[in-house]
Amino acid sequence: MSADHRPELLRHAALLCAVDPGGLGAVLTRATHGGARDWLQFLREALPEGTPWRRLPSQVPDSRLLGGIDLGATLAAGRPIAERGLLAEADGGMLIIPQAERLGAETAARLAAVHDAAEVLLERDGLTHRLPARVGLILLDESATDQEAPPTALLDRLALIIDVDCRIAAEGISPEEIAAARALLPHVEIPDAAIAAICGAAAALGIASLRAPLFALRAARAAAALAGRLQAEAADLELAAALVLAPRATCMPIEQEPAPQPEPEQEPEATSDEQPTQLDSGQLADAILEAALASLPANLLANLAAGNNVQRGVAGRAGQMTRSLRRGRPSGTRAGPLSPGARLNLVATLRAAVPWQALRRHEAAKDTPKILVRRGDFRIQRFKEQMGTTTIFVVDASGSAALGRLAEAKGAVELLLAECYLRRDQVAVIAFRGRVAEVLLPPTGSLVRAKRALAGLPGGGGTPLASALEAATGLALGEQRRGRTPVLLLLTDGRANVARDGQGGRQRAEADALVAGQAFAKLQLPAMLVDTSPRPQPEARRIAEAMRARYLPLPAADSQRLQRAAQSMIER
C-alpha cells in the first residue's frame, strides 16, 4: 500500500477495535514511540466514556491478573472477601501489554484461555467465582530484531497485526458514534457470498489459521456497523482483507485461467416482490484479494513474489530458565516447610490460611490470635533464573585437514560471540591432537581472547578422542555448577587411534571413546557430532549414538554452516 494510505488504514484499525474490542484486538509491530503513542491516544479518545483502559505490568502475579482474596479487606472484616483481578476490571475495554515479545509463557496461556472463554474462572484461596472478562488485547511488539515475537498463542487470537510506522491525524469519530455502532453491531449480517469470498482469499494467500477468516468477517461487520449499515458490503470486506488477511499472507496467489462459463439461461423478469440481487462471489473474491495484495508492504510483497516465507522468528531466545529458591524473577509460590535458604511469602501464606479461620477458631481456645496460621499454610516463594548457555567446541586437530577444521571453528566462534550481547552466552574450545586434549579456550565472552587462543595452533598427530570427551565432560560439569547450560559441538571424523592412557591402538582407542561418550550421555545435555570426513564414517555415527548426540555429516563445512548448527542446538 502507498504511504499516503497508511495513516487512513491505521485510523480504520483503531476505530474497528473501538467498535468490537473483545472480538478483535490488535498487535502493534515495529512501532515507533511517537506512532504507538498517537495510535493509542486516538483509540482511547474514540472509546465511549467510562470504557476500562488498563495496562499489564511486566511481572504481574496471578492474584493481580486473575483475582483472589482481598487480604486487607478480609483481615478487617474477619471473613473472606474476593478481589477482582486485572482482567475482570478490563471487561468491555482494552488491556495494553507493553513489550509483548517478553511475555512469559504462563501469562500468555492464561490470557489466551480468558480470551477464548470471555470470562475469568477463579478457583483459588477457597473461592470459586466466574467473572465476565471480554477484553480487547493490544500487544506492543517492541522487539529489536525479527528473531523475537510475542507468543504464538496470542498472535493467533488477535485480528489486526499492523505496523505503526507513521502518525495518524488526531481528529476521529466521536464516542457517541462508536456507541451507536456497538449497538448496531449484533444486527449486522454477512451474505453467504462474502463468507465464501473471504475464505477463498485466505486460502489463496496461504493462511493456514482458521481464525483469520473469522476475524476478517468480524472486522467487516464492525466496519459496516461503523457506517450505519445492517449488511456488510464490498468496501467493508476489502477493508477487513487489508487489515486482517494481508499481514498473515505467506504466499502469492496462483493465477488460474478462468473456466469457460456456460451461457446463462433466460430468466423470467423480476417482479417487485423478489429479493435484491446478491453479491457475485467471483467478482467479490477478486476484489478482496486485490485489496489484500494492495496492502502488503513493499518488502513483504517482494519476498512473497520470490517464494520466501516471511513469518517472524520464534520468541524467547534469551536462554533456558531454571527454578530457584533464592534469586531470579518471582515465579509463584509452593506449599512446603521453611528450609534453609527458602523465602517465606507472607502474603501468600496469609491467603492460604484465611479460608480456614472460622473452623480453626471453633476448634481452638477462646484466647487465640486473630489469624491462626499452621505449618500447612506456609508458602515458599519460587523464582525463575535465566541460565546462560556455554557452547563447547571440541575440535579434532589431528591429521592433514586439521588447519581447515580449526579455521571453521574459529569463524563459528566469532559468529557466535557476535550474538552474545543479546544473550548471556559464552564459548569454549577444546582441541585434541597427539596424545592429549587441551582446553584451548576456557568459557569466555571475549572475542579478543578467543582470537588470541585460536591463532597459531599447530595440527597433525594422533586422535585422542576419549581424552577429548573426558575433558568436555569435565568442562560441562563445571559449567552446570556455575548455573549455566552446556551445549557440546564435536567436530571429528570419529577415527580414534590413541587410547585413554596415551598409548596407540585403534581398537582400544575406539572402545575408550565409546565408554567416554556413554559417560557424557549420562549428563543428558544437548550435543551434536559434526562428521568432517569427506565421506560419512560409521565410527563417527557410533560415537554420536553413544553420546546420544545429533549426528550431522558435513564434509564441506564452513564457519556459517557450523554457526547455524550450533545455534540450532542452543535454541532447542
Protein backbone atom coordinates (compact mmCIF):
# COMPACT_ATOMS: atom_id res chain seq x y z
CA MET A 1 0.00 0.00 0.00
CA SER A 2 1.20 3.50 -0.78
CA ALA A 3 2.46 5.69 2.04
CA ASP A 4 -0.44 8.11 1.54
CA HIS A 5 -2.97 5.44 2.50
CA ARG A 6 -1.11 4.11 5.57
CA PRO A 7 -2.45 6.72 8.06
CA GLU A 8 -6.01 6.10 6.89
CA LEU A 9 -5.59 2.34 7.27
CA LEU A 10 -4.19 2.77 10.80
CA ARG A 11 -7.11 5.05 11.63
CA HIS A 12 -9.61 2.42 10.48
CA ALA A 13 -7.82 -0.23 12.56
CA ALA A 14 -8.23 1.83 15.73
CA LEU A 15 -11.91 2.52 15.01
CA LEU A 16 -12.69 -1.17 14.42
CA CYS A 17 -11.02 -2.06 17.73
CA ALA A 18 -13.17 0.58 19.43
CA VAL A 19 -16.37 -0.86 17.93
CA ASP A 20 -15.62 -4.52 18.78
CA PRO A 21 -12.80 -4.61 21.36
CA GLY A 22 -13.47 -8.11 22.67
CA GLY A 23 -13.85 -9.64 19.22
CA LEU A 24 -10.84 -8.11 17.50
CA GLY A 25 -7.77 -6.84 19.36
CA ALA A 26 -4.52 -5.73 17.72
CA VAL A 27 -0.77 -6.19 17.68
CA LEU A 28 1.32 -3.08 17.05
CA THR A 29 4.58 -4.19 15.44
CA ARG A 30 7.74 -2.19 14.80
CA ALA A 31 6.02 0.78 16.37
CA THR A 32 7.98 3.98 16.79
CA HIS A 33 7.49 5.72 20.12
CA GLY A 34 5.53 8.61 18.65
CA GLY A 35 3.48 6.41 16.30
CA ALA A 36 2.38 3.98 19.01
CA ARG A 37 1.58 6.82 21.42
CA ASP A 38 -0.57 8.64 18.83
CA TRP A 39 -2.38 5.45 17.80
CA LEU A 40 -3.21 4.50 21.39
CA GLN A 41 -4.31 8.05 22.16
CA PHE A 42 -6.56 8.08 19.09
CA LEU A 43 -8.10 4.76 20.16
CA ARG A 44 -8.65 5.90 23.73
CA GLU A 45 -10.36 9.13 22.66
CA ALA A 46 -12.67 7.17 20.35
CA LEU A 47 -13.89 4.87 23.13
CA PRO A 48 -17.14 5.78 24.92
CA GLU A 49 -16.75 7.45 28.30
CA GLY A 50 -16.13 5.01 31.12
CA THR A 51 -14.62 2.28 28.94
CA PRO A 52 -11.96 0.44 31.02
CA TRP A 53 -8.36 1.08 29.97
CA ARG A 54 -5.73 -0.98 31.77
CA ARG A 55 -2.00 -1.63 31.31
CA LEU A 56 -0.45 -5.03 32.13
CA PRO A 57 2.63 -4.81 34.38
CA SER A 58 5.71 -6.70 33.22
CA GLN A 59 5.77 -9.01 36.27
CA VAL A 60 2.10 -9.46 37.18
CA PRO A 61 1.24 -12.15 39.75
CA ASP A 62 -1.78 -14.41 39.29
CA SER A 63 -3.52 -12.79 42.23
CA ARG A 64 -3.47 -9.45 40.40
CA LEU A 65 -4.16 -10.86 36.92
CA LEU A 66 -6.99 -13.27 37.78
CA GLY A 67 -8.10 -12.09 41.22
CA GLY A 68 -8.30 -13.74 44.61
CA ILE A 69 -8.75 -12.79 48.23
CA ASP A 70 -8.55 -9.11 49.14
CA LEU A 71 -6.23 -9.63 52.06
CA GLY A 72 -6.65 -6.21 53.65
CA ALA A 73 -10.45 -6.26 53.49
CA THR A 74 -10.53 -9.88 54.67
CA LEU A 75 -8.38 -9.16 57.74
CA ALA A 76 -10.52 -6.14 58.58
CA ALA A 77 -13.86 -7.93 58.14
CA GLY A 78 -12.86 -11.32 59.54
CA ARG A 79 -14.34 -13.19 56.57
CA PRO A 80 -13.13 -13.95 53.01
CA ILE A 81 -13.72 -11.07 50.61
CA ALA A 82 -12.97 -11.51 46.91
CA GLU A 83 -10.86 -9.09 44.88
CA ARG A 84 -11.36 -8.57 41.15
CA GLY A 85 -8.32 -9.17 39.00
CA LEU A 86 -6.95 -7.03 36.21
CA LEU A 87 -8.81 -8.99 33.50
CA ALA A 88 -12.17 -8.61 35.23
CA GLU A 89 -11.52 -4.89 35.74
CA ALA A 90 -10.89 -4.50 32.00
CA ASP A 91 -14.16 -6.22 30.99
CA GLY A 92 -15.63 -4.40 27.98
CA GLY A 93 -12.47 -2.35 27.50
CA MET A 94 -8.85 -2.57 26.46
CA LEU A 95 -5.80 -4.20 28.08
CA ILE A 96 -2.46 -2.79 26.88
CA ILE A 97 0.53 -5.18 27.02
CA PRO A 98 3.91 -3.42 26.57
CA GLN A 99 6.96 -5.43 25.45
CA ALA A 100 4.77 -8.35 24.42
CA GLU A 101 7.76 -10.21 22.97
CA ARG A 102 8.99 -10.73 26.55
CA LEU A 103 5.70 -12.03 27.87
CA GLY A 104 6.06 -15.26 29.83
CA ALA A 105 4.53 -18.47 28.51
CA GLU A 106 2.36 -18.98 31.62
CA THR A 107 0.90 -15.46 31.48
CA ALA A 108 0.32 -15.80 27.73
CA ALA A 109 -1.54 -19.10 28.26
CA ARG A 110 -3.82 -17.52 30.88
CA LEU A 111 -4.56 -14.56 28.63
CA ALA A 112 -5.36 -16.90 25.73
CA ALA A 113 -7.71 -19.01 27.88
CA VAL A 114 -9.56 -15.94 29.16
CA HIS A 115 -9.76 -14.52 25.63
CA ASP A 116 -11.41 -17.72 24.36
CA ALA A 117 -13.87 -18.03 27.26
CA ALA A 118 -14.54 -14.28 27.70
CA GLU A 119 -14.59 -14.87 31.45
CA VAL A 120 -12.27 -15.46 34.38
CA LEU A 121 -12.74 -18.73 36.25
CA LEU A 122 -11.37 -18.08 39.73
CA GLU A 123 -10.73 -21.23 41.79
CA ARG A 124 -8.18 -20.33 44.42
CA ASP A 125 -7.80 -19.27 48.05
CA GLY A 126 -11.02 -21.08 48.95
CA LEU A 127 -13.09 -19.02 46.47
CA THR A 128 -14.91 -20.04 43.30
CA HIS A 129 -16.10 -17.23 41.02
CA ARG A 130 -16.87 -16.68 37.36
CA LEU A 131 -16.34 -13.07 36.32
CA PRO A 132 -17.00 -11.68 32.80
CA ALA A 133 -13.82 -10.62 31.01
CA ARG A 134 -14.46 -9.73 27.38
CA VAL A 135 -11.27 -7.78 26.86
CA GLY A 136 -9.60 -6.27 23.81
CA LEU A 137 -5.89 -7.02 23.90
CA ILE A 138 -3.40 -4.54 22.43
CA LEU A 139 0.09 -6.05 22.20
CA LEU A 140 3.02 -3.68 21.75
CA ASP A 141 5.72 -5.62 19.93
CA GLU A 142 8.89 -3.67 20.72
CA SER A 143 11.40 -6.31 19.60
CA ALA A 144 14.60 -5.07 18.00
CA THR A 145 15.03 -7.98 15.55
CA ASP A 146 12.85 -10.33 13.52
CA GLN A 147 14.00 -13.24 15.70
CA GLU A 148 11.76 -12.13 18.57
CA ALA A 149 7.98 -12.07 18.58
CA PRO A 150 5.05 -12.18 21.01
CA PRO A 151 3.81 -15.66 21.99
CA THR A 152 2.13 -17.53 19.16
CA ALA A 153 -0.85 -18.37 21.40
CA LEU A 154 -1.75 -14.67 21.49
CA LEU A 155 -0.78 -13.75 17.93
CA ASP A 156 -3.26 -16.29 16.58
CA ARG A 157 -6.07 -14.85 18.71
CA LEU A 158 -5.82 -11.20 17.64
CA ALA A 159 -7.34 -9.95 14.43
CA LEU A 160 -5.18 -6.97 13.48
CA ILE A 161 -1.40 -7.10 13.03
CA ILE A 162 -0.35 -3.61 11.98
CA ASP A 163 2.94 -1.77 11.53
CA VAL A 164 2.58 1.61 13.21
CA ASP A 165 5.26 3.21 11.04
CA CYS A 166 3.66 6.65 10.80
CA ARG A 167 1.46 9.02 12.73
CA ILE A 168 -2.27 9.45 12.21
CA ALA A 169 -4.46 12.51 12.32
CA ALA A 170 -5.84 13.50 15.70
CA GLU A 171 -9.42 14.02 14.53
CA GLY A 172 -11.67 11.00 14.68
CA ILE A 173 -15.22 9.78 15.20
CA SER A 174 -16.99 10.89 18.35
CA PRO A 175 -17.53 8.38 21.18
CA GLU A 176 -21.28 8.71 20.60
CA GLU A 177 -20.88 7.34 17.07
CA ILE A 178 -18.80 4.45 18.41
CA ALA A 179 -21.52 3.68 20.97
CA ALA A 180 -24.15 3.70 18.20
CA ALA A 181 -22.03 1.34 16.10
CA ARG A 182 -21.67 -1.02 19.08
CA ALA A 183 -25.43 -1.11 19.47
CA LEU A 184 -25.88 -1.86 15.76
CA LEU A 185 -23.12 -4.50 15.60
CA PRO A 186 -25.20 -7.54 16.76
CA HIS A 187 -27.71 -6.91 13.96
CA VAL A 188 -25.21 -6.70 11.06
CA GLU A 189 -25.39 -9.65 8.64
CA ILE A 190 -22.79 -11.12 6.29
CA PRO A 191 -24.00 -12.51 2.93
CA ASP A 192 -23.08 -16.10 2.10
CA ALA A 193 -21.14 -14.91 -0.95
CA ALA A 194 -18.98 -12.71 1.29
CA ILE A 195 -18.16 -15.63 3.60
CA ALA A 196 -17.08 -17.77 0.63
CA ALA A 197 -15.03 -14.91 -0.80
CA ILE A 198 -13.17 -14.24 2.45
CA CYS A 199 -12.35 -17.95 2.91
CA GLY A 200 -11.18 -18.19 -0.69
CA ALA A 201 -8.92 -15.16 -0.32
CA ALA A 202 -7.39 -16.59 2.87
CA ALA A 203 -6.68 -19.89 1.13
CA ALA A 204 -5.15 -18.12 -1.89
CA LEU A 205 -2.78 -16.17 0.39
CA GLY A 206 -1.61 -19.36 2.12
CA ILE A 207 -3.14 -18.55 5.51
CA ALA A 208 -3.43 -21.77 7.50
CA SER A 209 -5.15 -20.41 10.61
CA LEU A 210 -8.89 -20.93 10.67
CA ARG A 211 -9.26 -17.91 12.95
CA ALA A 212 -8.11 -15.48 10.25
CA PRO A 213 -11.28 -15.68 8.07
CA LEU A 214 -13.45 -15.42 11.19
CA PHE A 215 -11.55 -12.32 12.29
CA ALA A 216 -11.92 -10.83 8.81
CA LEU A 217 -15.68 -11.34 8.94
CA ARG A 218 -15.81 -9.73 12.40
CA ALA A 219 -13.85 -6.76 11.11
CA ALA A 220 -16.21 -6.45 8.12
CA ARG A 221 -19.23 -6.47 10.46
CA ALA A 222 -17.60 -3.78 12.63
CA ALA A 223 -16.88 -1.66 9.53
CA ALA A 224 -20.49 -2.00 8.37
CA ALA A 225 -21.79 -1.06 11.82
CA LEU A 226 -19.50 1.97 11.87
CA ALA A 227 -21.01 3.08 8.55
CA GLY A 228 -24.55 2.51 9.84
CA ARG A 229 -25.32 -0.47 7.57
CA LEU A 230 -27.16 -3.66 8.50
CA GLN A 231 -25.34 -5.71 5.87
CA ALA A 232 -21.63 -5.81 5.03
CA GLU A 233 -20.77 -4.52 1.58
CA ALA A 234 -17.75 -4.94 -0.67
CA ALA A 235 -15.96 -1.92 0.82
CA ASP A 236 -16.23 -3.41 4.31
CA LEU A 237 -14.85 -6.75 3.14
CA GLU A 238 -11.95 -5.11 1.30
CA LEU A 239 -11.01 -3.14 4.42
CA ALA A 240 -11.15 -6.34 6.50
CA ALA A 241 -8.91 -8.13 3.99
CA ALA A 242 -6.36 -5.31 4.08
CA LEU A 243 -6.21 -5.29 7.89
CA VAL A 244 -6.60 -8.99 8.76
CA LEU A 245 -5.52 -11.13 5.80
CA ALA A 246 -2.66 -9.11 4.29
CA PRO A 247 -0.30 -9.26 7.33
CA ARG A 248 -0.78 -13.05 7.54
CA ALA A 249 -0.02 -13.81 3.88
CA THR A 250 2.61 -16.49 3.31
CA CYS A 251 2.50 -16.88 -0.46
CA MET A 252 1.40 -15.14 -3.63
CA PRO A 253 -1.90 -16.32 -5.10
CA ILE A 254 -1.60 -18.63 -8.09
CA GLU A 255 -3.16 -17.21 -11.21
CA GLN A 256 -5.62 -19.60 -12.76
CA GLU A 257 -7.19 -19.45 -16.18
CA PRO A 258 -10.87 -18.66 -15.92
CA ALA A 259 -13.09 -21.64 -16.56
CA PRO A 260 -15.46 -21.36 -19.50
CA GLN A 261 -18.80 -20.07 -18.34
CA PRO A 262 -21.98 -21.70 -19.67
CA GLU A 263 -24.39 -19.48 -21.47
CA PRO A 264 -26.86 -18.06 -18.97
CA GLU A 265 -30.39 -19.29 -19.30
CA GLN A 266 -33.06 -16.75 -19.88
CA GLU A 267 -34.57 -15.81 -16.54
CA PRO A 268 -38.04 -14.53 -16.02
CA GLU A 269 -38.44 -10.84 -15.43
CA ALA A 270 -38.12 -9.87 -11.78
CA THR A 271 -41.20 -8.77 -10.00
CA SER A 272 -41.43 -6.21 -7.26
CA ASP A 273 -41.73 -8.98 -4.63
CA GLU A 274 -38.34 -10.59 -5.44
CA GLN A 275 -35.23 -10.11 -3.27
CA PRO A 276 -32.47 -7.72 -4.41
CA THR A 277 -29.58 -9.11 -6.45
CA GLN A 278 -26.97 -10.89 -4.31
CA LEU A 279 -23.24 -10.12 -4.47
CA ASP A 280 -21.37 -12.02 -7.17
CA SER A 281 -18.99 -14.33 -5.26
CA GLY A 282 -16.35 -14.49 -8.02
CA GLN A 283 -16.03 -10.74 -8.52
CA LEU A 284 -16.15 -10.17 -4.78
CA ALA A 285 -13.35 -12.70 -4.17
CA ASP A 286 -11.17 -10.95 -6.77
CA ALA A 287 -11.82 -7.56 -5.19
CA ILE A 288 -10.99 -8.84 -1.69
CA LEU A 289 -7.78 -10.47 -2.92
CA GLU A 290 -6.73 -7.30 -4.73
CA ALA A 291 -7.35 -5.25 -1.59
CA ALA A 292 -5.19 -7.60 0.47
CA LEU A 293 -2.34 -7.55 -2.06
CA ALA A 294 -2.51 -3.76 -2.32
CA SER A 295 -1.99 -3.50 1.45
CA LEU A 296 1.17 -5.62 1.57
CA PRO A 297 4.33 -3.66 2.43
CA ALA A 298 6.84 -3.44 -0.40
CA ASN A 299 9.43 -5.73 1.24
CA LEU A 300 6.77 -8.30 2.11
CA LEU A 301 5.44 -8.29 -1.45
CA ALA A 302 8.95 -8.78 -2.85
CA ASN A 303 9.62 -11.71 -0.51
CA LEU A 304 6.33 -13.38 -1.36
CA ALA A 305 6.96 -12.92 -5.07
CA ALA A 306 10.34 -14.60 -4.61
CA GLY A 307 8.70 -17.52 -2.82
CA ASN A 308 10.19 -16.78 0.61
CA ASN A 309 8.25 -17.43 3.80
CA VAL A 310 8.42 -14.18 5.76
CA GLN A 311 6.92 -15.27 9.05
CA ARG A 312 8.75 -13.82 12.02
CA GLY A 313 11.06 -15.88 14.18
CA VAL A 314 10.45 -17.59 17.46
CA ALA A 315 10.05 -15.82 20.74
CA GLY A 316 12.28 -16.11 23.71
CA ARG A 317 15.87 -16.50 22.53
CA ALA A 318 17.24 -15.34 25.86
CA GLY A 319 18.30 -18.78 27.10
CA GLN A 320 16.85 -21.50 29.28
CA MET A 321 15.07 -20.81 32.56
CA THR A 322 15.53 -22.80 35.74
CA ARG A 323 13.62 -22.72 39.02
CA SER A 324 15.39 -21.32 42.04
CA LEU A 325 14.55 -20.62 45.69
CA ARG A 326 16.96 -17.74 46.18
CA ARG A 327 17.30 -15.50 43.14
CA GLY A 328 15.76 -14.60 39.81
CA ARG A 329 12.33 -13.36 38.79
CA PRO A 330 9.37 -14.24 41.04
CA SER A 331 7.50 -17.26 39.67
CA GLY A 332 4.65 -18.08 42.03
CA THR A 333 4.71 -19.97 45.30
CA ARG A 334 4.53 -23.55 46.53
CA ALA A 335 3.45 -25.17 49.76
CA GLY A 336 6.31 -26.50 51.82
CA PRO A 337 8.32 -26.24 55.05
CA LEU A 338 10.75 -23.46 55.83
CA SER A 339 14.04 -25.00 54.73
CA PRO A 340 17.40 -23.19 54.92
CA GLY A 341 17.67 -20.60 52.16
CA ALA A 342 13.95 -20.63 51.32
CA ARG A 343 11.97 -17.39 51.43
CA LEU A 344 8.55 -17.28 53.06
CA ASN A 345 5.90 -15.42 51.06
CA LEU A 346 3.92 -13.86 53.90
CA VAL A 347 1.03 -12.59 51.78
CA ALA A 348 0.51 -15.95 50.07
CA THR A 349 0.72 -17.71 53.45
CA LEU A 350 -2.00 -15.48 54.89
CA ARG A 351 -4.15 -16.02 51.78
CA ALA A 352 -3.85 -19.78 52.28
CA ALA A 353 -4.79 -19.50 55.95
CA VAL A 354 -7.80 -17.15 55.63
CA PRO A 355 -10.42 -19.66 54.30
CA TRP A 356 -9.90 -21.91 57.36
CA GLN A 357 -10.20 -19.30 60.11
CA ALA A 358 -13.82 -19.97 61.09
CA LEU A 359 -13.16 -23.69 61.54
CA ARG A 360 -9.91 -23.12 63.41
CA ARG A 361 -11.44 -20.61 65.81
CA HIS A 362 -14.23 -23.06 66.54
CA GLU A 363 -11.69 -25.78 67.39
CA ALA A 364 -9.26 -23.53 69.28
CA ALA A 365 -9.47 -21.93 72.71
CA LYS A 366 -11.09 -18.56 73.31
CA ASP A 367 -7.91 -16.53 73.70
CA THR A 368 -6.45 -17.05 70.23
CA PRO A 369 -4.74 -14.72 67.75
CA LYS A 370 -6.85 -13.05 65.12
CA ILE A 371 -5.28 -15.17 62.38
CA LEU A 372 -4.36 -18.80 63.04
CA VAL A 373 -1.51 -19.91 60.77
CA ARG A 374 -0.41 -23.54 60.65
CA ARG A 375 2.52 -25.27 59.06
CA GLY A 376 0.45 -26.42 56.10
CA ASP A 377 -0.27 -22.78 55.20
CA PHE A 378 3.38 -21.90 54.59
CA ARG A 379 4.01 -20.75 51.02
CA ILE A 380 7.59 -20.63 49.76
CA GLN A 381 8.46 -18.06 47.12
CA ARG A 382 9.76 -19.54 43.88
CA PHE A 383 11.93 -17.78 41.34
CA LYS A 384 12.89 -18.32 37.73
CA GLU A 385 16.53 -17.72 36.97
CA GLN A 386 17.68 -17.20 33.42
CA MET A 387 20.59 -19.50 32.63
CA GLY A 388 23.30 -18.55 30.21
CA THR A 389 24.49 -21.04 27.60
CA THR A 390 28.07 -22.20 27.11
CA THR A 391 28.79 -23.69 23.69
CA ILE A 392 31.76 -26.08 23.94
CA PHE A 393 33.54 -26.67 20.63
CA VAL A 394 35.61 -29.88 20.67
CA VAL A 395 37.81 -29.73 17.58
CA ASP A 396 39.83 -32.59 16.09
CA ALA A 397 43.23 -31.01 15.36
CA SER A 398 44.86 -34.20 14.12
CA GLY A 399 45.53 -35.22 10.55
CA SER A 400 46.14 -33.26 7.39
CA ALA A 401 42.78 -31.42 7.48
CA ALA A 402 43.30 -30.02 10.99
CA LEU A 403 44.08 -26.47 9.90
CA GLY A 404 40.89 -26.31 7.83
CA ARG A 405 38.76 -27.54 10.72
CA LEU A 406 40.34 -25.04 13.10
CA ALA A 407 39.63 -22.23 10.66
CA GLU A 408 35.99 -23.33 10.52
CA ALA A 409 35.75 -23.44 14.32
CA LYS A 410 37.35 -20.01 14.63
CA GLY A 411 34.84 -18.49 12.24
CA ALA A 412 31.91 -20.15 14.01
CA VAL A 413 33.17 -18.94 17.41
CA GLU A 414 33.43 -15.38 16.15
CA LEU A 415 29.91 -15.50 14.69
CA LEU A 416 28.50 -16.87 17.95
CA LEU A 417 30.29 -14.26 20.05
CA ALA A 418 28.72 -11.53 17.94
CA GLU A 419 25.34 -12.58 19.35
CA CYS A 420 26.49 -12.87 22.97
CA TYR A 421 25.36 -9.34 23.64
CA LEU A 422 21.73 -10.40 23.12
CA ARG A 423 22.04 -13.45 25.40
CA ARG A 424 24.33 -14.36 28.26
CA ASP A 425 26.19 -16.90 26.16
CA GLN A 426 29.81 -17.98 26.33
CA VAL A 427 32.03 -20.11 24.12
CA ALA A 428 34.80 -22.62 24.96
CA VAL A 429 37.15 -24.54 22.65
CA ILE A 430 38.87 -27.88 23.31
CA ALA A 431 41.41 -29.05 20.72
CA PHE A 432 42.80 -32.60 20.70
CA ARG A 433 45.86 -33.93 18.83
CA GLY A 434 48.84 -36.14 19.58
CA ARG A 435 48.27 -37.84 22.95
CA VAL A 436 46.24 -35.26 24.92
CA ALA A 437 43.26 -32.92 24.72
CA GLU A 438 43.82 -29.28 25.64
CA VAL A 439 41.29 -26.69 26.80
CA LEU A 440 42.37 -24.13 24.26
CA LEU A 441 39.80 -21.51 25.27
CA PRO A 442 38.08 -21.57 28.68
CA PRO A 443 34.46 -20.33 28.71
CA THR A 444 34.53 -16.69 27.71
CA GLY A 445 32.50 -13.98 26.03
CA SER A 446 35.56 -12.05 24.88
CA LEU A 447 36.09 -12.03 21.14
CA VAL A 448 39.67 -10.75 21.52
CA ARG A 449 40.58 -13.58 23.87
CA ALA A 450 39.05 -16.14 21.51
CA LYS A 451 41.09 -14.86 18.57
CA ARG A 452 44.31 -14.96 20.58
CA ALA A 453 43.68 -18.52 21.76
CA LEU A 454 42.83 -19.84 18.31
CA ALA A 455 45.70 -18.14 16.46
CA GLY A 456 48.67 -20.26 15.50
CA LEU A 457 47.52 -23.68 16.78
CA PRO A 458 49.58 -26.46 15.11
CA GLY A 459 47.91 -29.54 13.69
CA GLY A 460 48.76 -33.16 13.00
CA GLY A 461 49.42 -36.26 15.08
CA GLY A 462 47.16 -38.87 16.65
CA THR A 463 43.46 -38.66 17.59
CA PRO A 464 42.91 -38.95 21.39
CA LEU A 465 39.12 -38.82 21.13
CA ALA A 466 38.49 -40.45 24.53
CA SER A 467 40.61 -37.80 26.30
CA ALA A 468 38.74 -35.06 24.43
CA LEU A 469 35.35 -36.41 25.53
CA GLU A 470 36.54 -36.69 29.13
CA ALA A 471 37.77 -33.08 29.03
CA ALA A 472 34.46 -31.94 27.54
CA THR A 473 32.50 -33.84 30.22
CA GLY A 474 34.52 -32.22 32.99
CA LEU A 475 34.11 -28.76 31.48
CA ALA A 476 30.36 -29.30 31.05
CA LEU A 477 30.01 -30.37 34.69
CA GLY A 478 31.85 -27.24 35.78
CA GLU A 479 29.52 -25.05 33.74
CA GLN A 480 26.50 -26.76 35.26
CA ARG A 481 27.80 -25.99 38.75
CA ARG A 482 28.10 -22.35 37.69
CA GLY A 483 24.42 -22.36 36.79
CA ARG A 484 24.89 -22.40 33.02
CA THR A 485 23.62 -24.73 30.28
CA PRO A 486 26.43 -26.51 28.37
CA VAL A 487 25.97 -27.35 24.69
CA LEU A 488 28.58 -29.61 23.06
CA LEU A 489 29.61 -29.36 19.41
CA LEU A 490 32.16 -32.05 18.44
CA LEU A 491 33.99 -31.75 15.09
CA THR A 492 35.72 -35.02 14.17
CA ASP A 493 35.78 -37.92 11.75
CA GLY A 494 35.49 -40.37 14.66
CA ARG A 495 38.66 -42.33 13.80
CA ALA A 496 40.24 -42.53 17.26
CA ASN A 497 43.73 -44.09 17.39
CA VAL A 498 45.04 -43.01 20.83
CA ALA A 499 43.64 -44.68 23.94
CA ARG A 500 42.85 -43.01 27.24
CA ASP A 501 46.30 -43.79 28.69
CA GLY A 502 48.04 -42.18 25.70
CA GLN A 503 49.03 -45.47 24.04
CA GLY A 504 48.39 -46.17 20.38
CA GLY A 505 45.99 -48.78 19.03
CA ARG A 506 42.84 -48.13 17.07
CA GLN A 507 40.73 -50.88 18.68
CA ARG A 508 41.44 -49.79 22.27
CA ALA A 509 41.09 -46.13 21.33
CA GLU A 510 37.64 -46.66 19.80
CA ALA A 511 36.50 -48.70 22.83
CA ASP A 512 37.68 -45.97 25.22
CA ALA A 513 35.94 -43.31 23.11
CA LEU A 514 32.65 -45.22 23.28
CA VAL A 515 32.94 -45.50 27.08
CA ALA A 516 33.69 -41.77 27.35
CA GLY A 517 30.73 -41.00 25.09
CA GLN A 518 28.41 -43.08 27.27
CA ALA A 519 29.65 -41.21 30.35
CA PHE A 520 28.82 -37.91 28.65
CA ALA A 521 25.35 -39.23 27.72
CA LYS A 522 24.51 -39.60 31.42
CA LEU A 523 24.59 -35.79 31.73
CA GLN A 524 21.63 -35.60 29.31
CA LEU A 525 22.97 -32.44 27.68
CA PRO A 526 22.33 -31.22 24.13
CA ALA A 527 25.16 -32.28 21.84
CA MET A 528 25.97 -32.55 18.16
CA LEU A 529 28.71 -34.50 16.39
CA VAL A 530 29.74 -32.97 13.06
CA ASP A 531 31.38 -35.58 10.85
CA THR A 532 34.00 -33.61 8.91
CA SER A 533 35.39 -36.50 6.85
CA PRO A 534 34.92 -36.39 3.04
CA ARG A 535 32.51 -39.31 3.39
CA PRO A 536 30.27 -40.12 6.41
CA GLN A 537 32.12 -42.58 8.69
CA PRO A 538 30.45 -45.39 10.69
CA GLU A 539 32.86 -44.73 13.58
CA ALA A 540 31.59 -41.17 13.95
CA ARG A 541 27.98 -42.33 13.91
CA ARG A 542 28.69 -44.91 16.65
CA ILE A 543 30.30 -42.23 18.82
CA ALA A 544 27.26 -39.96 18.31
CA GLU A 545 24.90 -42.76 19.30
CA ALA A 546 26.95 -43.46 22.44
CA MET A 547 26.82 -39.76 23.38
CA ARG A 548 23.10 -39.55 22.45
CA ALA A 549 24.10 -36.64 20.28
CA ARG A 550 22.69 -35.44 17.00
CA TYR A 551 24.77 -36.73 14.08
CA LEU A 552 25.45 -34.29 11.25
CA PRO A 553 27.63 -35.36 8.28
CA LEU A 554 29.09 -32.12 6.94
CA PRO A 555 32.15 -32.83 4.77
CA ALA A 556 32.17 -29.33 3.27
CA ALA A 557 31.59 -27.41 6.49
CA ASP A 558 32.22 -23.68 6.68
CA SER A 559 32.00 -21.22 9.57
CA GLN A 560 28.47 -20.01 8.79
CA ARG A 561 27.02 -23.52 8.48
CA LEU A 562 28.69 -24.55 11.73
CA GLN A 563 27.38 -21.44 13.43
CA ARG A 564 23.83 -22.23 12.28
CA ALA A 565 24.22 -25.82 13.51
CA ALA A 566 25.40 -24.63 16.92
CA GLN A 567 22.61 -22.06 17.09
CA SER A 568 20.00 -24.73 16.38
CA MET A 569 21.28 -26.70 19.37
CA ILE A 570 21.24 -23.64 21.64
CA GLU A 571 17.63 -22.76 20.82
CA ARG A 572 16.21 -26.28 21.22
